[in-house]
C-alpha atoms as a PDB file:
ATOM      1  CA  MET A   1       0.121  -0.106  -0.063  1.00  0.00           C
ATOM      2  CA  SER A   2       1.505   3.674  -0.591  1.00  0.00           C
ATOM      3  CA  SER A   3       2.324   5.749   1.925  1.00  0.00           C
ATOM      4  CA  GLU A   4      -0.649   8.425   0.971  1.00  0.00           C
ATOM      5  CA  GLN A   5      -3.400   8.396   3.267  1.00  0.00           C
ATOM      6  CA  ILE A   6      -6.823   7.877   1.073  1.00  0.00           C
ATOM      7  CA  ASN A   7     -10.000   9.204   2.338  1.00  0.00           C
ATOM      8  CA  SER A   8     -13.071   8.181   0.675  1.00  0.00           C
ATOM      9  CA  GLU A   9     -16.536   7.485   1.108  1.00  0.00           C
ATOM     10  CA  SER A  10     -19.672   5.818   0.423  1.00  0.00           C
ATOM     11  CA  LYS A  11     -23.345   5.218   0.365  1.00  0.00           C
ATOM     12  CA  VAL A  12     -25.019   2.737   1.947  1.00  0.00           C
ATOM     13  CA  SER A  13     -27.944   1.053   0.066  1.00  0.00           C
ATOM     14  CA  GLY A  14     -29.678  -1.832   2.167  1.00  0.00           C
ATOM     15  CA  ASN A  15     -27.318  -4.148   3.465  1.00  0.00           C
ATOM     16  CA  GLN A  16     -24.983  -3.294   1.100  1.00  0.00           C
ATOM     17  CA  ALA A  17     -21.934  -1.095   0.933  1.00  0.00           C
ATOM     18  CA  ASN A  18     -19.968  -0.019  -1.818  1.00  0.00           C
ATOM     19  CA  ILE A  19     -16.429   0.183  -1.453  1.00  0.00           C
ATOM     20  CA  PRO A  20     -14.451   2.838  -3.722  1.00  0.00           C
ATOM     21  CA  ALA A  21     -12.414   1.930  -6.580  1.00  0.00           C
ATOM     22  CA  GLN A  22      -9.743   3.560  -5.575  1.00  0.00           C
ATOM     23  CA  ILE A  23      -9.575   1.610  -2.323  1.00  0.00           C
ATOM     24  CA  ARG A  24     -10.193  -1.405  -4.516  1.00  0.00           C
ATOM     25  CA  THR A  25      -7.495  -0.588  -6.424  1.00  0.00           C
ATOM     26  CA  GLU A  26      -4.981   0.093  -3.903  1.00  0.00           C
ATOM     27  CA  LEU A  27      -6.156  -3.325  -1.888  1.00  0.00           C
ATOM     28  CA  ASP A  28      -5.963  -5.095  -5.016  1.00  0.00           C
ATOM     29  CA  ILE A  29      -9.942  -6.146  -3.414  1.00  0.00           C
ATOM     30  CA  ASP A  30     -11.198  -8.340  -6.364  1.00  0.00           C
ATOM     31  CA  ASP A  31     -15.342 -10.029  -7.138  1.00  0.00           C
ATOM     32  CA  GLY A  32     -15.163 -13.245  -4.481  1.00  0.00           C
ATOM     33  CA  ASP A  33     -13.061 -11.599  -2.321  1.00  0.00           C
ATOM     34  CA  ARG A  34     -14.467 -11.322   1.564  1.00  0.00           C
ATOM     35  CA  LEU A  35     -14.343  -8.793   4.284  1.00  0.00           C
ATOM     36  CA  ARG A  36     -13.976  -9.275   8.145  1.00  0.00           C
ATOM     37  CA  TRP A  37     -15.449  -5.980  10.040  1.00  0.00           C
ATOM     38  CA  HIS A  38     -14.038  -5.582  13.331  1.00  0.00           C
ATOM     39  CA  LEU A  39     -15.739  -3.136  15.756  1.00  0.00           C
ATOM     40  CA  GLU A  40     -13.171  -1.923  18.390  1.00  0.00           C
ATOM     41  CA  ASP A  41     -14.427  -0.580  22.026  1.00  0.00           C
ATOM     42  CA  ASP A  42     -13.390   2.595  20.876  1.00  0.00           C
ATOM     43  CA  GLY A  43     -15.936   2.815  18.097  1.00  0.00           C
ATOM     44  CA  THR A  44     -13.292   2.705  15.453  1.00  0.00           C
ATOM     45  CA  LEU A  45     -14.439   0.119  12.624  1.00  0.00           C
ATOM     46  CA  ARG A  46     -11.636  -2.059  11.211  1.00  0.00           C
ATOM     47  CA  VAL A  47     -12.371  -3.625   7.862  1.00  0.00           C
ATOM     48  CA  GLU A  48      -9.587  -6.640   7.232  1.00  0.00           C
ATOM     49  CA  VAL A  49      -9.694  -8.041   3.632  1.00  0.00           C
ATOM     50  CA  VAL A  50      -9.268 -11.907   3.345  1.00  0.00           C
ATOM     51  CA  GLN A  51      -8.537 -12.443  -0.588  1.00  0.00           C
ATOM     52  CA  GLN A  52      -9.935 -15.136  -2.241  1.00  0.00           C
ATOM     53  CA  ARG A  53      -6.712 -16.122  -4.179  1.00  0.00           C
ATOM     54  CA  SER A  54      -7.185 -20.307  -3.990  1.00  0.00           C
ATOM     55  CA  GLY A  55      -9.928 -23.221  -4.435  1.00  0.00           C
ATOM     56  CA  THR A  56     -10.598 -21.604  -7.521  1.00  0.00           C
ATOM     57  CA  PHE A  57      -9.470 -23.456 -11.178  1.00  0.00           C
ATOM     58  CA  SER A  58      -8.525 -20.325 -12.827  1.00  0.00           C
ATOM     59  CA  ASP A  59      -4.580 -21.503 -13.143  1.00  0.00           C
ATOM     60  CA  PHE A  60      -4.947 -24.614 -13.007  1.00  0.00           C
ATOM     61  CA  ASP A  61      -3.110 -26.340 -16.100  1.00  0.00           C
ATOM     62  CA  GLY A  62      -4.289 -30.026 -15.608  1.00  0.00           C
ATOM     63  CA  TYR A  63      -2.657 -33.167 -14.052  1.00  0.00           C
ATOM     64  CA  GLU A  64      -0.040 -34.960 -15.851  1.00  0.00           C
ATOM     65  CA  GLY A  65      -0.408 -38.208 -14.354  1.00  0.00           C
ATOM     66  CA  ASP A  66       1.669 -41.479 -14.993  1.00  0.00           C
ATOM     67  CA  GLN A  67      -1.402 -43.685 -15.264  1.00  0.00           C
ATOM     68  CA  THR A  68      -3.765 -43.230 -18.336  1.00  0.00           C
ATOM     69  CA  THR A  69      -7.416 -44.632 -16.807  1.00  0.00           C
ATOM     70  CA  THR A  70     -10.538 -45.262 -19.112  1.00  0.00           C
ATOM     71  CA  VAL A  71     -14.231 -44.746 -18.092  1.00  0.00           C
ATOM     72  CA  GLU A  72     -15.032 -47.956 -17.997  1.00  0.00           C
ATOM     73  CA  ARG A  73     -12.197 -48.414 -15.598  1.00  0.00           C
ATOM     74  CA  GLU A  74     -13.146 -45.495 -13.395  1.00  0.00           C
ATOM     75  CA  HIS A  75     -16.826 -46.835 -13.616  1.00  0.00           C
ATOM     76  CA  ASP A  76     -15.574 -50.651 -12.327  1.00  0.00           C
ATOM     77  CA  SER A  77     -13.318 -49.203  -9.362  1.00  0.00           C
ATOM     78  CA  TRP A  78     -16.512 -47.564  -8.305  1.00  0.00           C
ATOM     79  CA  GLY A  79     -18.798 -51.177  -8.371  1.00  0.00           C
ATOM     80  CA  VAL A  80     -20.514 -49.669 -11.636  1.00  0.00           C
ATOM     81  CA  THR A  81     -20.617 -51.154 -15.012  1.00  0.00           C
ATOM     82  CA  VAL A  82     -20.962 -49.519 -17.944  1.00  0.00           C
ATOM     83  CA  GLU A  83     -22.945 -51.743 -20.943  1.00  0.00           C
END
């Protein structure tokens, strides 16, 4: 994060609040990321960004296993026969 302070505001609509674009960019917030809200004893609101970068297949290039399989053998191993 840059050393300059960023001040911004957004409007609450229903149960949702928009994150200003400059803050989203600065913190690299993307769709699917989560926000953890912490209300401190002094009334200060602290927000932690939890980036969702794992658990997706976007970077998956496939598995180069050393064993070839067939659908029939896979089904047979689970007790399902292919007719």
